[in-house]
Amino acid sequence: MIYKPVKKAVAIEYGKNPVPMLTAKGQDELAEAIIAEAQRQGVHIAKDPQLVALLSQLDLEGEIPENLYVAVAVILSWVYWLKGMEPENFRKKTSR
């Protein structure tokens, strides 16, 4: 038996919408293309196979379900941290 794992990729967007949205998904060659385009655009890439498996079941342009908010928030906060971003009024709230 030969086992070749399927490579999957998803893209999520948050900021233009009130909730995170699934904007791209694919497997194998399409996954490679999504990753390559993200790299060309300077988009940070996180590797979380379990989250990708769950998100890849969603419809494109669909809202991320509430039960995945915490997992997606962890990824988004990591990306914001890498970009040097912080939430609005963060310094005011933490400097008290």
C-alpha atoms as a PDB file:
ATOM      1  CA  MET A   1       0.000   0.000   0.000  1.00  0.00           C
ATOM      2  CA  ILE A   2       1.203   3.495  -0.862  1.00  0.00           C
ATOM      3  CA  TYR A   3       0.078   6.391   1.257  1.00  0.00           C
ATOM      4  CA  LYS A   4       0.395   9.892  -0.091  1.00  0.00           C
ATOM      5  CA  PRO A   5      -1.095  12.524   2.212  1.00  0.00           C
ATOM      6  CA  VAL A   6      -3.281  15.145   0.611  1.00  0.00           C
ATOM      7  CA  LYS A   7      -1.956  18.652   0.976  1.00  0.00           C
ATOM      8  CA  LYS A   8      -4.642  21.207   1.807  1.00  0.00           C
ATOM      9  CA  ALA A   9      -4.606  24.975   2.159  1.00  0.00           C
ATOM     10  CA  VAL A  10      -7.171  27.570   3.119  1.00  0.00           C
ATOM     11  CA  ALA A  11      -7.150  31.355   3.271  1.00  0.00           C
ATOM     12  CA  ILE A  12      -9.135  33.423   5.712  1.00  0.00           C
ATOM     13  CA  GLU A  13      -9.773  37.132   5.706  1.00  0.00           C
ATOM     14  CA  TYR A  14     -10.748  39.328   8.583  1.00  0.00           C
ATOM     15  CA  GLY A  15     -10.998  43.079   8.753  1.00  0.00           C
ATOM     16  CA  LYS A  16     -13.219  43.914   5.821  1.00  0.00           C
ATOM     17  CA  ASN A  17     -16.018  41.797   7.276  1.00  0.00           C
ATOM     18  CA  PRO A  18     -17.532  41.665  10.770  1.00  0.00           C
ATOM     19  CA  VAL A  19     -16.467  37.999  11.077  1.00  0.00           C
ATOM     20  CA  PRO A  20     -13.618  35.955   9.539  1.00  0.00           C
ATOM     21  CA  MET A  21     -14.448  34.556   6.106  1.00  0.00           C
ATOM     22  CA  LEU A  22     -13.047  31.667   4.090  1.00  0.00           C
ATOM     23  CA  THR A  23     -11.689  33.230   0.894  1.00  0.00           C
ATOM     24  CA  ALA A  24      -9.798  30.327  -0.724  1.00  0.00           C
ATOM     25  CA  LYS A  25      -9.394  26.597  -0.313  1.00  0.00           C
ATOM     26  CA  GLY A  26      -7.832  23.775  -2.263  1.00  0.00           C
ATOM     27  CA  GLN A  27      -5.856  20.592  -2.153  1.00  0.00           C
ATOM     28  CA  ASP A  28      -2.721  19.257  -3.802  1.00  0.00           C
ATOM     29  CA  GLU A  29      -1.792  21.515  -6.772  1.00  0.00           C
ATOM     30  CA  LEU A  30      -4.390  24.155  -5.892  1.00  0.00           C
ATOM     31  CA  ALA A  31      -3.135  24.172  -2.298  1.00  0.00           C
ATOM     32  CA  GLU A  32       0.405  24.725  -3.581  1.00  0.00           C
ATOM     33  CA  ALA A  33      -0.850  27.604  -5.744  1.00  0.00           C
ATOM     34  CA  ILE A  34      -2.667  29.206  -2.794  1.00  0.00           C
ATOM     35  CA  ILE A  35       0.481  28.961  -0.657  1.00  0.00           C
ATOM     36  CA  ALA A  36       2.703  30.293  -3.446  1.00  0.00           C
ATOM     37  CA  GLU A  37       0.411  33.280  -4.023  1.00  0.00           C
ATOM     38  CA  ALA A  38       0.268  33.996  -0.294  1.00  0.00           C
ATOM     39  CA  GLN A  39       4.066  33.997  -0.184  1.00  0.00           C
ATOM     40  CA  ARG A  40       4.228  36.348  -3.191  1.00  0.00           C
ATOM     41  CA  GLN A  41       1.782  38.698  -1.460  1.00  0.00           C
ATOM     42  CA  GLY A  42       3.723  38.607   1.821  1.00  0.00           C
ATOM     43  CA  VAL A  43       0.882  36.864   3.660  1.00  0.00           C
ATOM     44  CA  HIS A  44       1.925  34.987   6.794  1.00  0.00           C
ATOM     45  CA  ILE A  45       1.326  31.243   6.643  1.00  0.00           C
ATOM     46  CA  ALA A  46       0.446  29.130   9.664  1.00  0.00           C
ATOM     47  CA  LYS A  47       0.551  25.346   9.636  1.00  0.00           C
ATOM     48  CA  ASP A  48      -2.361  23.803  11.506  1.00  0.00           C
ATOM     49  CA  PRO A  49      -3.527  20.652   9.698  1.00  0.00           C
ATOM     50  CA  GLN A  50      -6.492  20.076  12.018  1.00  0.00           C
ATOM     51  CA  LEU A  51      -7.816  23.608  11.570  1.00  0.00           C
ATOM     52  CA  VAL A  52      -7.263  23.436   7.802  1.00  0.00           C
ATOM     53  CA  ALA A  53      -9.200  20.149   7.677  1.00  0.00           C
ATOM     54  CA  LEU A  54     -12.139  21.766   9.471  1.00  0.00           C
ATOM     55  CA  LEU A  55     -12.052  25.007   7.481  1.00  0.00           C
ATOM     56  CA  SER A  56     -11.764  23.183   4.152  1.00  0.00           C
ATOM     57  CA  GLN A  57     -15.224  21.704   4.774  1.00  0.00           C
ATOM     58  CA  LEU A  58     -16.782  25.194   4.657  1.00  0.00           C
ATOM     59  CA  ASP A  59     -18.182  26.928   1.596  1.00  0.00           C
ATOM     60  CA  LEU A  60     -16.065  29.650   0.001  1.00  0.00           C
ATOM     61  CA  GLU A  61     -16.987  33.145   1.143  1.00  0.00           C
ATOM     62  CA  GLY A  62     -18.702  31.511   4.097  1.00  0.00           C
ATOM     63  CA  GLU A  63     -18.425  32.845   7.614  1.00  0.00           C
ATOM     64  CA  ILE A  64     -16.233  30.942  10.015  1.00  0.00           C
ATOM     65  CA  PRO A  65     -18.559  29.166  12.484  1.00  0.00           C
ATOM     66  CA  GLU A  66     -18.480  30.282  16.108  1.00  0.00           C
ATOM     67  CA  ASN A  67     -17.101  26.951  17.310  1.00  0.00           C
ATOM     68  CA  LEU A  68     -13.877  27.730  15.392  1.00  0.00           C
ATOM     69  CA  TYR A  69     -13.527  31.359  16.546  1.00  0.00           C
ATOM     70  CA  VAL A  70     -10.955  30.624  19.245  1.00  0.00           C
ATOM     71  CA  ALA A  71      -8.714  28.613  16.901  1.00  0.00           C
ATOM     72  CA  VAL A  72      -8.972  31.274  14.182  1.00  0.00           C
ATOM     73  CA  ALA A  73      -8.407  34.059  16.743  1.00  0.00           C
ATOM     74  CA  VAL A  74      -5.156  32.415  17.811  1.00  0.00           C
ATOM     75  CA  ILE A  75      -3.935  32.422  14.202  1.00  0.00           C
ATOM     76  CA  LEU A  76      -5.092  36.008  13.598  1.00  0.00           C
ATOM     77  CA  SER A  77      -3.480  37.276  16.805  1.00  0.00           C
ATOM     78  CA  TRP A  78      -0.214  35.603  15.781  1.00  0.00           C
ATOM     79  CA  VAL A  79      -0.376  37.343  12.379  1.00  0.00           C
ATOM     80  CA  TYR A  80      -1.157  40.711  14.001  1.00  0.00           C
ATOM     81  CA  TRP A  81       1.774  40.225  16.381  1.00  0.00           C
ATOM     82  CA  LEU A  82       4.101  39.437  13.444  1.00  0.00           C
ATOM     83  CA  LYS A  83       2.940  42.639  11.740  1.00  0.00           C
ATOM     84  CA  GLY A  84       3.469  44.676  14.917  1.00  0.00           C
ATOM     85  CA  MET A  85      -0.237  45.415  15.204  1.00  0.00           C
ATOM     86  CA  GLU A  86      -2.279  45.615  18.394  1.00  0.00           C
ATOM     87  CA  PRO A  87      -5.970  46.093  19.134  1.00  0.00           C
ATOM     88  CA  GLU A  88      -7.453  49.601  19.277  1.00  0.00           C
ATOM     89  CA  ASN A  89      -7.074  51.201  22.700  1.00  0.00           C
ATOM     90  CA  PHE A  90      -4.802  48.324  23.809  1.00  0.00           C
ATOM     91  CA  ARG A  91      -2.232  50.604  25.465  1.00  0.00           C
ATOM     92  CA  LYS A  92      -4.923  52.584  27.291  1.00  0.00           C
ATOM     93  CA  LYS A  93      -6.455  49.436  28.783  1.00  0.00           C
ATOM     94  CA  THR A  94      -3.175  47.783  29.798  1.00  0.00           C
ATOM     95  CA  SER A  95      -1.427  50.867  31.195  1.00  0.00           C
ATOM     96  CA  ARG A  96      -3.835  51.357  34.088  1.00  0.00           C
END
